Amino acid sequence: MISAEVLVDAFDRIRAAVHEAVEDLTPDQLAFRVDSRANSIGWLIWHLTRIQDDHIADVAHTDQVWTAQSWVDRFELPFDRLDTGFGHTPEEVAAVRVSSGELLTGYHDAVHEQTKQHVQRLTDDDLERIVDSSWDPPVSLGVRLVSVTADDLQHAGQAAFIRGIAQRTHAG
């Protein structure tokens, strides 16, 4: 397996985890928070997808799916059009209310497709390209992609955990 195939497999696993986390949940379950400072399933899935969209668009030199395919309008969130959720307050987390899991998975699937199209063309040499020199040491494309997959999997796991709680409580 070459590096690009490994990366595609990792992003495929993220997609599967996202679908499993939101499948058949109601809007109230998607908005469920363990307490007033916790993240909801809906926020976690939206945020991990926004970060993937933002970071992949940046390294691929493409438009974000969020704006290019009008997902920003479908979600109707009270934030700046390019907000990714990074640094959100508990009140902002609570403002992420989605009408269905299909909205979340639809957006994620569109981002996944753009990610896959970019990643499957990469060579091992491409992964050494510096994509962010504001860090010390500078961030290579390979490091950025690993960072995105790690963050996405962590948030998808958090969403799956909250799903279990939501299904066992009054929210379920």
Protein backbone atom coordinates (compact mmCIF):
# COMPACT_ATOMS: atom_id res chain seq x y z
CA MET A 1 0.00 0.00 0.00
CA ILE A 2 1.34 3.45 -0.87
CA SER A 3 0.89 6.50 1.37
CA ALA A 4 -2.03 7.87 -0.65
CA GLU A 5 -3.92 4.57 -0.25
CA VAL A 6 -3.32 4.60 3.50
CA LEU A 7 -4.64 8.15 3.73
CA VAL A 8 -7.73 7.35 1.64
CA ASP A 9 -8.41 4.37 3.92
CA ALA A 10 -8.12 6.63 6.99
CA PHE A 11 -10.58 9.16 5.56
CA ASP A 12 -12.93 6.32 4.55
CA ARG A 13 -12.90 5.16 8.20
CA ILE A 14 -13.71 8.67 9.38
CA ARG A 15 -16.67 8.77 6.99
CA ALA A 16 -17.96 5.44 8.35
CA ALA A 17 -17.59 6.66 11.95
CA VAL A 18 -19.47 9.88 11.14
CA HIS A 19 -22.35 7.92 9.61
CA GLU A 20 -22.51 5.53 12.57
CA ALA A 21 -22.50 8.40 15.07
CA VAL A 22 -25.57 10.16 13.60
CA GLU A 23 -27.58 7.35 12.02
CA ASP A 24 -31.30 7.54 12.90
CA LEU A 25 -30.88 10.23 15.55
CA THR A 26 -33.53 12.89 16.08
CA PRO A 27 -32.68 16.60 16.05
CA ASP A 28 -32.97 16.59 19.87
CA GLN A 29 -30.53 13.68 20.14
CA LEU A 30 -28.10 15.45 17.78
CA ALA A 31 -28.30 18.53 20.03
CA PHE A 32 -28.01 16.56 23.30
CA ARG A 33 -25.21 17.76 25.59
CA VAL A 34 -24.11 15.91 28.71
CA ASP A 35 -24.02 19.28 30.49
CA SER A 36 -24.18 22.95 29.53
CA ARG A 37 -20.45 23.14 28.75
CA ALA A 38 -20.22 19.93 26.70
CA ASN A 39 -20.27 19.50 22.93
CA SER A 40 -23.22 17.94 21.16
CA ILE A 41 -23.12 15.21 18.53
CA GLY A 42 -24.30 17.69 15.91
CA TRP A 43 -21.62 20.22 16.82
CA LEU A 44 -18.85 17.59 16.88
CA ILE A 45 -19.72 16.20 13.45
CA TRP A 46 -20.23 19.67 11.96
CA HIS A 47 -16.94 20.89 13.46
CA LEU A 48 -14.81 17.90 12.39
CA THR A 49 -16.20 18.23 8.88
CA ARG A 50 -15.59 21.99 8.81
CA ILE A 51 -11.98 21.50 9.91
CA GLN A 52 -11.42 18.80 7.28
CA ASP A 53 -13.05 20.98 4.63
CA ASP A 54 -11.01 24.05 5.63
CA HIS A 55 -7.67 22.25 5.85
CA ILE A 56 -8.05 20.16 2.69
CA ALA A 57 -9.24 23.13 0.65
CA ASP A 58 -6.21 25.07 1.88
CA VAL A 59 -3.62 22.42 0.95
CA ALA A 60 -5.38 21.52 -2.32
CA HIS A 61 -5.82 25.18 -3.31
CA THR A 62 -9.56 24.69 -3.88
CA ASP A 63 -12.71 26.32 -2.57
CA GLN A 64 -14.26 24.94 0.58
CA VAL A 65 -17.22 22.64 -0.05
CA TRP A 66 -19.04 24.57 2.71
CA THR A 67 -19.35 27.68 0.56
CA ALA A 68 -18.83 26.36 -2.98
CA GLN A 69 -21.70 23.87 -2.68
CA SER A 70 -23.91 26.13 -0.50
CA TRP A 71 -23.83 23.93 2.61
CA VAL A 72 -23.43 27.13 4.62
CA ASP A 73 -26.92 28.18 3.47
CA ARG A 74 -28.47 24.78 4.19
CA PHE A 75 -27.21 24.75 7.78
CA GLU A 76 -28.37 28.33 8.50
CA LEU A 77 -25.99 28.77 11.45
CA PRO A 78 -25.59 32.14 13.18
CA PHE A 79 -21.85 32.37 12.51
CA ASP A 80 -19.47 33.90 10.02
CA ARG A 81 -19.59 31.97 6.73
CA LEU A 82 -16.08 30.56 7.23
CA ASP A 83 -16.42 29.68 10.93
CA THR A 84 -15.12 26.18 11.70
CA GLY A 85 -16.13 26.00 15.35
CA PHE A 86 -12.57 26.36 16.62
CA GLY A 87 -12.73 28.13 19.99
CA HIS A 88 -16.51 28.10 20.23
CA THR A 89 -18.06 29.04 23.56
CA PRO A 90 -20.69 26.78 25.17
CA GLU A 91 -23.34 29.18 23.85
CA GLU A 92 -22.03 28.89 20.31
CA VAL A 93 -21.93 25.09 20.60
CA ALA A 94 -25.59 25.19 21.67
CA ALA A 95 -26.43 27.28 18.58
CA VAL A 96 -25.47 24.40 16.27
CA ARG A 97 -28.88 22.83 15.76
CA VAL A 98 -29.38 20.64 12.71
CA SER A 99 -32.60 19.36 11.22
CA SER A 100 -31.33 15.84 10.62
CA GLY A 101 -28.37 13.49 10.57
CA GLU A 102 -28.73 13.45 6.80
CA LEU A 103 -27.75 17.11 6.67
CA LEU A 104 -24.57 16.33 8.59
CA THR A 105 -23.70 13.22 6.59
CA GLY A 106 -24.54 14.94 3.30
CA TYR A 107 -22.06 17.70 4.03
CA HIS A 108 -19.49 15.23 5.34
CA ASP A 109 -19.86 13.03 2.24
CA ALA A 110 -19.28 16.03 -0.03
CA VAL A 111 -16.14 16.97 1.92
CA HIS A 112 -15.04 13.34 1.94
CA GLU A 113 -15.31 13.20 -1.85
CA GLN A 114 -13.21 16.35 -2.29
CA THR A 115 -10.69 15.01 0.23
CA LYS A 116 -10.47 11.67 -1.53
CA GLN A 117 -9.99 13.28 -4.94
CA HIS A 118 -7.08 15.29 -3.60
CA VAL A 119 -5.44 12.63 -1.43
CA GLN A 120 -5.50 9.77 -3.94
CA ARG A 121 -3.36 11.81 -6.35
CA LEU A 122 -0.60 12.46 -3.81
CA THR A 123 2.86 10.96 -4.03
CA ASP A 124 5.20 10.37 -1.12
CA ASP A 125 7.26 13.38 -2.28
CA ASP A 126 4.13 15.57 -2.11
CA LEU A 127 3.76 14.74 1.58
CA GLU A 128 7.03 16.52 2.33
CA ARG A 129 5.81 19.86 0.93
CA ILE A 130 5.58 22.57 3.59
CA VAL A 131 2.01 23.84 3.86
CA ASP A 132 2.28 26.04 6.95
CA SER A 133 5.50 27.82 7.83
CA SER A 134 3.98 29.70 10.78
CA TRP A 135 4.85 26.75 13.08
CA ASP A 136 8.24 25.69 14.37
CA PRO A 137 9.00 23.29 12.86
CA PRO A 138 7.03 24.12 9.70
CA VAL A 139 4.11 21.79 8.94
CA SER A 140 4.38 19.42 5.99
CA LEU A 141 1.42 18.18 3.99
CA GLY A 142 1.86 14.72 5.50
CA VAL A 143 1.79 16.08 9.04
CA ARG A 144 -1.27 18.24 8.25
CA LEU A 145 -3.18 15.24 6.86
CA VAL A 146 -2.30 13.08 9.87
CA SER A 147 -3.40 15.94 12.15
CA VAL A 148 -6.77 16.17 10.37
CA THR A 149 -7.36 12.42 10.55
CA ALA A 150 -6.41 12.30 14.25
CA ASP A 151 -8.69 15.24 15.11
CA ASP A 152 -11.57 13.84 13.04
CA LEU A 153 -11.34 10.38 14.59
CA GLN A 154 -11.17 11.82 18.09
CA HIS A 155 -14.30 13.93 17.52
CA ALA A 156 -16.15 11.06 15.81
CA GLY A 157 -15.37 8.89 18.84
CA GLN A 158 -16.65 11.60 21.16
CA ALA A 159 -19.86 11.80 19.11
CA ALA A 160 -20.29 8.01 19.31
CA PHE A 161 -19.83 8.15 23.09
CA ILE A 162 -22.42 10.92 23.45
CA ARG A 163 -24.77 8.97 21.18
CA GLY A 164 -24.69 6.09 23.65
CA ILE A 165 -25.49 8.40 26.53
CA ALA A 166 -28.25 10.19 24.60
CA GLN A 167 -29.89 6.91 23.67
CA ARG A 168 -29.89 5.76 27.31
CA THR A 169 -31.28 8.97 28.85
CA HIS A 170 -34.31 11.16 28.53
CA ALA A 171 -32.91 12.46 25.22
CA GLY A 172 -33.16 8.99 23.70
